[in-house]
Amino acid sequence: MNKDLTKRSYTFLNQDSVVVNFPEIIKDKITVMGFIYTHCPDICPMTTHNMVLTEERLMKEGIDDVLFVALSFDPERDSPQVLTKFAEIRDINFDNWIFLTGDEITTKDALKRFDVKAITTDSTFYEDGTFTYTIMHTDRISLINNKSILKKNYKGSTINIEELINDIKYLGE
């Protein structure tokens, strides 16, 4: 797999509500990118946890220049503030992490670029007027080289962290 991510650019908000351009924000960085939504009951917390474990292992080996990006595919609920809280609960250090959210059209277009599916299901209106839903989605972590080329996809929730670390080291050589 060698998909050049520089062919299209997307405007998102990061966790600090700053407008950023993707892939400009990953320029010259090996990047581990996950696709999540904060209300996910299972896959997304595992994917995020596996990314955190990967970062911790890399840091122990003295590799501290890998960027971790989490793109939400639930812009309706995942505001920058919600993404920040999601990260803080997991003790994520923002020095090497960026959380992204955007409008629905931009997000869907970016997901398509990564071959990630996200379909809203199980919508429910409650008597008090609140509305909730879940999202059925692709379980994905992507590895991107320092030239913004998508090199490999992994199953995010069940990833072999050792394999990802070896692939990161290979890209860094």
Protein backbone atom coordinates (compact mmCIF):
# COMPACT_ATOMS: atom_id res chain seq x y z
CA MET A 1 0.00 0.00 0.00
CA ASN A 2 1.38 3.39 -0.99
CA LYS A 3 -1.41 5.99 -0.97
CA ASP A 4 -0.17 9.57 -1.30
CA LEU A 5 -2.19 11.58 1.21
CA THR A 6 -0.92 14.93 -0.13
CA LYS A 7 -3.25 14.68 -3.15
CA ARG A 8 -6.13 16.09 -1.06
CA SER A 9 -6.21 18.33 1.95
CA TYR A 10 -8.81 18.67 4.68
CA THR A 11 -9.55 21.36 7.23
CA PHE A 12 -10.26 20.16 10.77
CA LEU A 13 -10.31 21.53 14.29
CA ASN A 14 -7.80 20.11 16.73
CA GLN A 15 -8.41 19.53 20.44
CA ASP A 16 -7.56 23.19 21.13
CA SER A 17 -10.19 24.42 18.62
CA VAL A 18 -7.40 25.53 16.27
CA VAL A 19 -8.06 25.16 12.54
CA VAL A 20 -5.51 22.76 11.05
CA ASN A 21 -4.85 21.32 7.62
CA PHE A 22 -4.44 17.61 7.09
CA PRO A 23 -2.00 16.35 5.82
CA GLU A 24 0.05 19.50 6.53
CA ILE A 25 -0.03 18.76 10.29
CA ILE A 26 1.72 15.41 9.75
CA LYS A 27 4.35 16.73 7.34
CA ASP A 28 7.81 15.21 7.95
CA LYS A 29 6.49 12.96 10.76
CA ILE A 30 5.94 9.23 10.94
CA THR A 31 2.29 9.13 12.00
CA VAL A 32 0.09 6.53 13.67
CA MET A 33 -3.51 7.47 12.91
CA GLY A 34 -6.63 6.06 14.53
CA PHE A 35 -10.27 6.59 13.65
CA ILE A 36 -12.58 6.93 16.63
CA TYR A 37 -15.66 8.38 18.23
CA THR A 38 -15.79 9.16 21.93
CA HIS A 39 -19.18 7.54 22.61
CA CYS A 40 -18.00 4.19 21.25
CA PRO A 41 -18.53 1.43 23.82
CA ASP A 42 -15.81 -0.96 22.67
CA ILE A 43 -13.56 -0.69 19.60
CA CYS A 44 -12.52 2.98 19.85
CA PRO A 45 -11.38 2.86 23.49
CA MET A 46 -9.33 -0.26 22.64
CA THR A 47 -7.88 1.39 19.54
CA THR A 48 -6.92 4.49 21.53
CA HIS A 49 -5.46 2.34 24.31
CA ASN A 50 -3.35 0.42 21.80
CA MET A 51 -2.06 3.69 20.38
CA VAL A 52 -1.15 4.84 23.91
CA LEU A 53 0.65 1.53 24.58
CA THR A 54 2.53 1.93 21.30
CA GLU A 55 3.63 5.45 22.25
CA GLU A 56 4.75 4.26 25.71
CA ARG A 57 6.81 1.44 24.21
CA LEU A 58 8.40 3.75 21.66
CA MET A 59 9.29 6.28 24.38
CA LYS A 60 10.95 3.54 26.46
CA GLU A 61 13.09 2.78 23.41
CA GLY A 62 14.00 6.45 22.99
CA ILE A 63 11.78 6.99 19.96
CA ASP A 64 9.86 10.17 20.69
CA ASP A 65 9.30 11.69 17.26
CA VAL A 66 6.26 9.66 16.17
CA LEU A 67 3.01 11.61 15.89
CA PHE A 68 -0.30 10.08 17.00
CA VAL A 69 -3.49 11.39 15.39
CA ALA A 70 -7.06 10.44 16.28
CA LEU A 71 -9.74 11.53 13.80
CA SER A 72 -13.30 11.48 15.09
CA PHE A 73 -16.01 10.39 12.70
CA ASP A 74 -18.73 11.78 15.00
CA PRO A 75 -18.50 15.55 14.50
CA GLU A 76 -22.01 15.97 15.90
CA ARG A 77 -20.89 15.01 19.42
CA ASP A 78 -17.09 15.13 19.32
CA SER A 79 -16.28 18.79 19.78
CA PRO A 80 -12.69 19.81 20.54
CA GLN A 81 -13.67 20.02 24.22
CA VAL A 82 -15.10 16.48 24.22
CA LEU A 83 -11.98 15.16 22.47
CA THR A 84 -9.78 16.90 25.04
CA LYS A 85 -11.74 15.32 27.90
CA PHE A 86 -11.54 11.90 26.18
CA ALA A 87 -7.75 12.28 25.97
CA GLU A 88 -7.33 13.60 29.51
CA ILE A 89 -9.24 10.64 30.97
CA ARG A 90 -6.67 8.41 29.25
CA ASP A 91 -3.68 10.49 30.44
CA ILE A 92 -2.70 11.27 26.86
CA ASN A 93 0.16 13.74 26.51
CA PHE A 94 -0.62 16.25 23.78
CA ASP A 95 3.08 16.71 22.94
CA ASN A 96 2.83 13.82 20.45
CA TRP A 97 -0.94 13.64 19.95
CA ILE A 98 -3.48 15.52 17.86
CA PHE A 99 -7.23 14.91 18.05
CA LEU A 100 -9.25 16.07 15.05
CA THR A 101 -12.89 16.81 14.39
CA GLY A 102 -14.56 18.56 11.49
CA ASP A 103 -17.77 19.11 9.64
CA GLU A 104 -19.66 16.06 8.41
CA ILE A 105 -18.85 16.44 4.71
CA THR A 106 -15.10 16.92 5.25
CA THR A 107 -14.97 14.05 7.72
CA LYS A 108 -16.79 11.65 5.38
CA ASP A 109 -14.47 12.63 2.52
CA ALA A 110 -11.38 12.03 4.66
CA LEU A 111 -12.72 8.67 5.87
CA LYS A 112 -13.28 7.63 2.27
CA ARG A 113 -9.63 8.47 1.52
CA PHE A 114 -8.59 6.00 4.25
CA ASP A 115 -11.21 3.39 3.25
CA VAL A 116 -12.88 3.77 6.66
CA LYS A 117 -16.63 3.23 6.92
CA ALA A 118 -18.78 4.83 9.63
CA ILE A 119 -22.53 4.24 9.58
CA THR A 120 -24.93 5.64 12.17
CA THR A 121 -27.14 2.92 13.68
CA ASP A 122 -29.43 2.31 16.64
CA SER A 123 -30.85 5.83 16.79
CA THR A 124 -33.09 6.43 19.79
CA PHE A 125 -35.20 9.36 20.99
CA TYR A 126 -35.89 9.32 24.71
CA GLU A 127 -38.98 10.72 26.46
CA ASP A 128 -36.95 13.66 27.75
CA GLY A 129 -36.19 14.63 24.13
CA THR A 130 -32.57 13.49 24.06
CA PHE A 131 -31.35 11.66 21.00
CA THR A 132 -28.62 9.05 20.97
CA TYR A 133 -27.05 6.75 18.42
CA THR A 134 -24.16 4.40 17.88
CA ILE A 135 -21.87 4.16 14.89
CA MET A 136 -20.91 0.93 13.20
CA HIS A 137 -17.41 1.45 11.82
CA THR A 138 -14.16 0.11 10.47
CA ASP A 139 -11.64 -0.92 13.12
CA ARG A 140 -8.54 0.89 11.87
CA ILE A 141 -5.13 2.25 12.71
CA SER A 142 -3.07 3.54 9.78
CA LEU A 143 0.69 4.00 9.56
CA ILE A 144 1.86 6.97 7.50
CA ASN A 145 5.48 7.68 6.61
CA ASN A 146 7.23 11.05 6.90
CA LYS A 147 6.33 11.89 3.30
CA SER A 148 2.58 11.57 4.03
CA ILE A 149 2.29 8.23 2.25
CA LEU A 150 -0.15 5.75 3.80
CA LYS A 151 1.97 2.62 4.18
CA LYS A 152 -0.13 0.11 6.10
CA ASN A 153 -3.46 -0.46 7.85
CA TYR A 154 -4.03 -2.51 11.00
CA LYS A 155 -7.03 -3.62 13.03
CA GLY A 156 -6.95 -1.01 15.77
CA SER A 157 -8.58 -2.90 18.62
CA THR A 158 -6.58 -6.10 18.20
CA ILE A 159 -3.36 -4.76 16.70
CA ASN A 160 -0.10 -6.57 17.28
CA ILE A 161 1.76 -3.66 18.88
CA GLU A 162 5.13 -5.32 18.29
CA GLU A 163 4.41 -5.46 14.55
CA LEU A 164 3.43 -1.78 14.49
CA ILE A 165 6.58 -0.79 16.39
CA ASN A 166 8.77 -2.81 14.02
CA ASP A 167 7.06 -1.14 11.05
CA ILE A 168 7.62 2.30 12.61
CA LYS A 169 11.30 1.50 13.15
CA TYR A 170 11.61 0.31 9.55
CA LEU A 171 10.13 3.60 8.28
CA GLY A 172 12.53 5.54 10.50
CA GLU A 173 15.64 3.90 9.05
